[in-house]
Amino acid sequence: MLDSAIEILRLQANGEASAVDIAKISLERIKSSQKGVNAYTCVNEEGALKLAEEIDHRRKAGDNLGRLAGVPVAVKDILCTTDMPTTCSSKMLENFVSPYDATVIKKLRDEDAVLIGKTNMDEFAMGGSTETSFFG
């Protein structure tokens, strides 16, 4: 059902699924696979559901929505966000929360994407296998 952003946008436009429905499905997929895959350093469940609910309310009210309204998005843990830790998969930064959003994050938010979480990576992006992440 949720194979692409285009499909997600179509489902919402046709009233077949809400942004909250889509966020819940995405969060369940993460929960069911995270233990074995360890793809995420942070999952922002509460924030994602709150944003999805806001998007649904705005859609019902007929407000203008961004081009990615209700589409769940995960970003690498190297991109600064104000509402999730930005650790660069390093123990040194495990509690760092940026005072600003990276430009790409601001653009995603401006288009009403639902930021689900931060994905694992090699520490400080020094590699391509995720073998050197503090988070495993």
Foldseek 3Di string as FASTA:
>chain_A
DPPDLVVVVVCVVVVVDALLRVLVVVVVVCVVCCVPPVFFPDFPSVQLNVLSVVLRVCVVVVHDAAPSASAEDEEALCWADQPDFRQLLDPVRSPHHDPDGHPVVVVCVRRNHRYGHHTAAARNNPDGDSPRGNSD
